Structure formats: C-alpha cells, structure tokens
C-alpha cells in the first residue's frame, strides 16, 4: 500500500490485473484517472483463471450497500500476454480486506 492507499494485488507469484474485458467495461472509460476500491480476501476462488471481486469508484463504499459495487474481473498478467504489449491492463487498486462471506454476498447480488 502507498500513501494514497493504492496497491497491487498478488496471488502466489501472480500480479493480478483488470484487463479490458466486457466485465470491466464500467471501469475502463474512467482510467487512468481513478483507482477502484476492491474488496479482497486471500481465500477468493480462481474460476477459469480469473477472480471476480466487488469493486467501487466511491472512495468510502460500504459493503452493506450493494448499489455501490460493481464486479471487477481480475486475472494474472501472464494470462493475457497481449495486454502487456498493448498496455491495456490496469493494476493499481485500493484494496480493503473483507471476509469471504461478505464478498460472496455482493457477488451473488451483482451477477
């Protein structure tokens, strides 16, 4: 974490990034001027090489308010080498620890 509370998310040896994808379209037009707040737990499951997390552009988003959250699809940077070449990956976040149950509840609502 840095002074402005931004950070990067690592899983094992992988740097997790938000690639330009349909799932992340709500965020891509706001980059690079903003960093989403991401609810994070080390116990989140990997599905098809990706992790879905609740994310928000509201600086003080409340996990009890599902309307403040969107789904953000994260994947290891190495999964999509084309992203490295075209620099279409975004990997600076404001991580906030959350319990897996909290994250699961938000993911279930937002799907």
C-alpha atoms as a PDB file:
ATOM      1  CA  UNK A   1       0.000   0.000   0.000  1.00  0.00           C
ATOM      2  CA  UNK A   2       1.151   3.523  -0.758  1.00  0.00           C
ATOM      3  CA  UNK A   3       0.349   6.837   0.947  1.00  0.00           C
ATOM      4  CA  UNK A   4      -2.764   7.251  -1.203  1.00  0.00           C
ATOM      5  CA  UNK A   5      -3.898   3.742  -0.171  1.00  0.00           C
ATOM      6  CA  UNK A   6      -3.340   2.270  -3.610  1.00  0.00           C
ATOM      7  CA  UNK A   7      -1.698  -1.088  -4.018  1.00  0.00           C
ATOM      8  CA  UNK A   8      -1.342  -4.100  -6.218  1.00  0.00           C
ATOM      9  CA  UNK A   9      -2.920  -7.475  -5.689  1.00  0.00           C
ATOM     10  CA  UNK A  10      -0.770 -10.574  -5.732  1.00  0.00           C
ATOM     11  CA  UNK A  11      -1.862 -14.193  -5.673  1.00  0.00           C
ATOM     12  CA  UNK A  12       1.063 -16.528  -5.209  1.00  0.00           C
ATOM     13  CA  UNK A  13       3.606 -15.331  -7.763  1.00  0.00           C
ATOM     14  CA  UNK A  14       0.995 -13.662  -9.970  1.00  0.00           C
ATOM     15  CA  UNK A  15       0.279  -9.966 -10.309  1.00  0.00           C
ATOM     16  CA  UNK A  16      -3.497  -9.676 -10.696  1.00  0.00           C
ATOM     17  CA  UNK A  17      -4.762  -7.089 -13.152  1.00  0.00           C
ATOM     18  CA  UNK A  18      -8.044  -5.889 -14.580  1.00  0.00           C
ATOM     19  CA  UNK A  19      -7.822  -6.499 -18.313  1.00  0.00           C
ATOM     20  CA  UNK A  20     -10.029  -4.728 -20.791  1.00  0.00           C
ATOM     21  CA  UNK A  21     -12.987  -7.062 -20.938  1.00  0.00           C
ATOM     22  CA  UNK A  22     -16.761  -6.842 -21.082  1.00  0.00           C
ATOM     23  CA  UNK A  23     -16.923  -7.434 -17.316  1.00  0.00           C
ATOM     24  CA  UNK A  24     -14.683  -4.417 -16.707  1.00  0.00           C
ATOM     25  CA  UNK A  25     -16.292  -2.025 -19.201  1.00  0.00           C
ATOM     26  CA  UNK A  26     -17.805   0.039 -16.365  1.00  0.00           C
ATOM     27  CA  UNK A  27     -14.266   0.982 -15.314  1.00  0.00           C
ATOM     28  CA  UNK A  28     -12.223   1.315 -18.486  1.00  0.00           C
ATOM     29  CA  UNK A  29     -13.512   4.743 -19.579  1.00  0.00           C
ATOM     30  CA  UNK A  30     -12.572   6.179 -16.173  1.00  0.00           C
ATOM     31  CA  UNK A  31      -8.921   5.104 -16.339  1.00  0.00           C
ATOM     32  CA  UNK A  32      -6.231   6.119 -15.595  1.00  0.00           C
ATOM     33  CA  UNK A  33      -7.680   8.970 -13.508  1.00  0.00           C
ATOM     34  CA  UNK A  34      -9.188   6.710 -10.864  1.00  0.00           C
ATOM     35  CA  UNK A  35      -8.347   3.649  -8.788  1.00  0.00           C
ATOM     36  CA  UNK A  36     -11.223   1.394  -7.788  1.00  0.00           C
ATOM     37  CA  UNK A  37     -11.721   0.275  -4.218  1.00  0.00           C
ATOM     38  CA  UNK A  38     -11.568  -3.540  -4.203  1.00  0.00           C
ATOM     39  CA  UNK A  39     -12.824  -5.885  -1.504  1.00  0.00           C
ATOM     40  CA  UNK A  40     -10.167  -8.534  -1.172  1.00  0.00           C
ATOM     41  CA  UNK A  41      -9.733 -11.818   0.611  1.00  0.00           C
ATOM     42  CA  UNK A  42      -6.869 -14.220   0.065  1.00  0.00           C
ATOM     43  CA  UNK A  43      -9.403 -17.072   0.013  1.00  0.00           C
ATOM     44  CA  UNK A  44     -11.223 -15.995  -3.160  1.00  0.00           C
ATOM     45  CA  UNK A  45     -11.572 -18.839  -5.652  1.00  0.00           C
ATOM     46  CA  UNK A  46      -9.991 -18.783  -9.089  1.00  0.00           C
ATOM     47  CA  UNK A  47     -12.549 -19.604 -11.800  1.00  0.00           C
ATOM     48  CA  UNK A  48     -11.298 -20.198 -15.348  1.00  0.00           C
ATOM     49  CA  UNK A  49      -8.092 -18.415 -14.380  1.00  0.00           C
ATOM     50  CA  UNK A  50      -9.952 -15.310 -13.163  1.00  0.00           C
ATOM     51  CA  UNK A  51     -11.166 -13.898  -9.865  1.00  0.00           C
ATOM     52  CA  UNK A  52     -14.312 -11.789  -9.551  1.00  0.00           C
ATOM     53  CA  UNK A  53     -14.235  -9.179  -6.809  1.00  0.00           C
ATOM     54  CA  UNK A  54     -16.604  -6.407  -5.748  1.00  0.00           C
ATOM     55  CA  UNK A  55     -15.175  -3.011  -6.711  1.00  0.00           C
ATOM     56  CA  UNK A  56     -16.373   0.550  -6.355  1.00  0.00           C
ATOM     57  CA  UNK A  57     -15.389   4.006  -7.522  1.00  0.00           C
ATOM     58  CA  UNK A  58     -16.884   5.506  -4.344  1.00  0.00           C
ATOM     59  CA  UNK A  59     -13.959   6.261  -2.021  1.00  0.00           C
ATOM     60  CA  UNK A  60     -15.826   5.137   1.116  1.00  0.00           C
ATOM     61  CA  UNK A  61     -18.037   2.447  -0.394  1.00  0.00           C
ATOM     62  CA  UNK A  62     -19.975   0.455   2.176  1.00  0.00           C
ATOM     63  CA  UNK A  63     -20.103  -3.352   1.769  1.00  0.00           C
ATOM     64  CA  UNK A  64     -23.611  -3.221   3.244  1.00  0.00           C
ATOM     65  CA  UNK A  65     -24.781  -1.170   0.231  1.00  0.00           C
ATOM     66  CA  UNK A  66     -24.737  -3.417  -2.857  1.00  0.00           C
ATOM     67  CA  UNK A  67     -25.731  -0.485  -5.097  1.00  0.00           C
ATOM     68  CA  UNK A  68     -22.245   0.990  -4.574  1.00  0.00           C
ATOM     69  CA  UNK A  69     -20.441  -2.045  -6.027  1.00  0.00           C
ATOM     70  CA  UNK A  70     -19.690  -3.480  -9.467  1.00  0.00           C
ATOM     71  CA  UNK A  71     -17.974  -6.717 -10.422  1.00  0.00           C
ATOM     72  CA  UNK A  72     -14.326  -6.478 -11.384  1.00  0.00           C
ATOM     73  CA  UNK A  73     -12.655  -9.361 -13.182  1.00  0.00           C
ATOM     74  CA  UNK A  74      -9.026  -9.897 -12.216  1.00  0.00           C
ATOM     75  CA  UNK A  75      -6.606 -12.299 -13.861  1.00  0.00           C
ATOM     76  CA  UNK A  76      -2.868 -12.900 -13.680  1.00  0.00           C
ATOM     77  CA  UNK A  77      -0.989 -10.553 -16.003  1.00  0.00           C
ATOM     78  CA  UNK A  78       0.736 -13.558 -17.600  1.00  0.00           C
ATOM     79  CA  UNK A  79      -2.647 -14.989 -18.732  1.00  0.00           C
ATOM     80  CA  UNK A  80      -3.103 -12.415 -21.476  1.00  0.00           C
ATOM     81  CA  UNK A  81       0.283 -11.500 -22.940  1.00  0.00           C
ATOM     82  CA  UNK A  82      -1.405  -9.242 -25.495  1.00  0.00           C
ATOM     83  CA  UNK A  83      -2.411  -6.989 -22.611  1.00  0.00           C
ATOM     84  CA  UNK A  84       1.236  -6.421 -21.731  1.00  0.00           C
ATOM     85  CA  UNK A  85       2.084  -5.465 -25.291  1.00  0.00           C
ATOM     86  CA  UNK A  86      -0.805  -3.027 -25.721  1.00  0.00           C
ATOM     87  CA  UNK A  87      -0.714  -1.818 -22.095  1.00  0.00           C
ATOM     88  CA  UNK A  88      -4.414  -2.457 -21.619  1.00  0.00           C
ATOM     89  CA  UNK A  89      -4.130  -3.880 -18.126  1.00  0.00           C
ATOM     90  CA  UNK A  90      -4.923  -1.889 -15.007  1.00  0.00           C
ATOM     91  CA  UNK A  91      -3.398  -2.982 -11.749  1.00  0.00           C
ATOM     92  CA  UNK A  92      -3.418  -0.151  -9.216  1.00  0.00           C
ATOM     93  CA  UNK A  93      -6.219  -0.647  -6.708  1.00  0.00           C
ATOM     94  CA  UNK A  94      -7.305   0.493  -3.272  1.00  0.00           C
ATOM     95  CA  UNK A  95      -7.595  -2.888  -1.563  1.00  0.00           C
ATOM     96  CA  UNK A  96      -9.737  -3.322   1.528  1.00  0.00           C
ATOM     97  CA  UNK A  97      -9.762  -6.608   3.415  1.00  0.00           C
ATOM     98  CA  UNK A  98     -13.143  -8.327   3.597  1.00  0.00           C
ATOM     99  CA  UNK A  99     -14.369 -11.675   4.803  1.00  0.00           C
ATOM    100  CA  UNK A 100     -15.047 -14.206   2.022  1.00  0.00           C
ATOM    101  CA  UNK A 101     -18.728 -14.339   3.069  1.00  0.00           C
ATOM    102  CA  UNK A 102     -19.068 -10.567   2.605  1.00  0.00           C
ATOM    103  CA  UNK A 103     -17.585 -10.783  -0.863  1.00  0.00           C
ATOM    104  CA  UNK A 104     -19.714 -13.797  -1.802  1.00  0.00           C
ATOM    105  CA  UNK A 105     -22.886 -11.940  -0.797  1.00  0.00           C
ATOM    106  CA  UNK A 106     -22.012  -8.950  -3.005  1.00  0.00           C
ATOM    107  CA  UNK A 107     -21.009 -11.155  -5.922  1.00  0.00           C
ATOM    108  CA  UNK A 108     -24.308 -13.053  -5.707  1.00  0.00           C
ATOM    109  CA  UNK A 109     -26.296  -9.800  -5.867  1.00  0.00           C
ATOM    110  CA  UNK A 110     -24.297  -8.205  -8.700  1.00  0.00           C
ATOM    111  CA  UNK A 111     -24.243 -11.198 -11.095  1.00  0.00           C
END
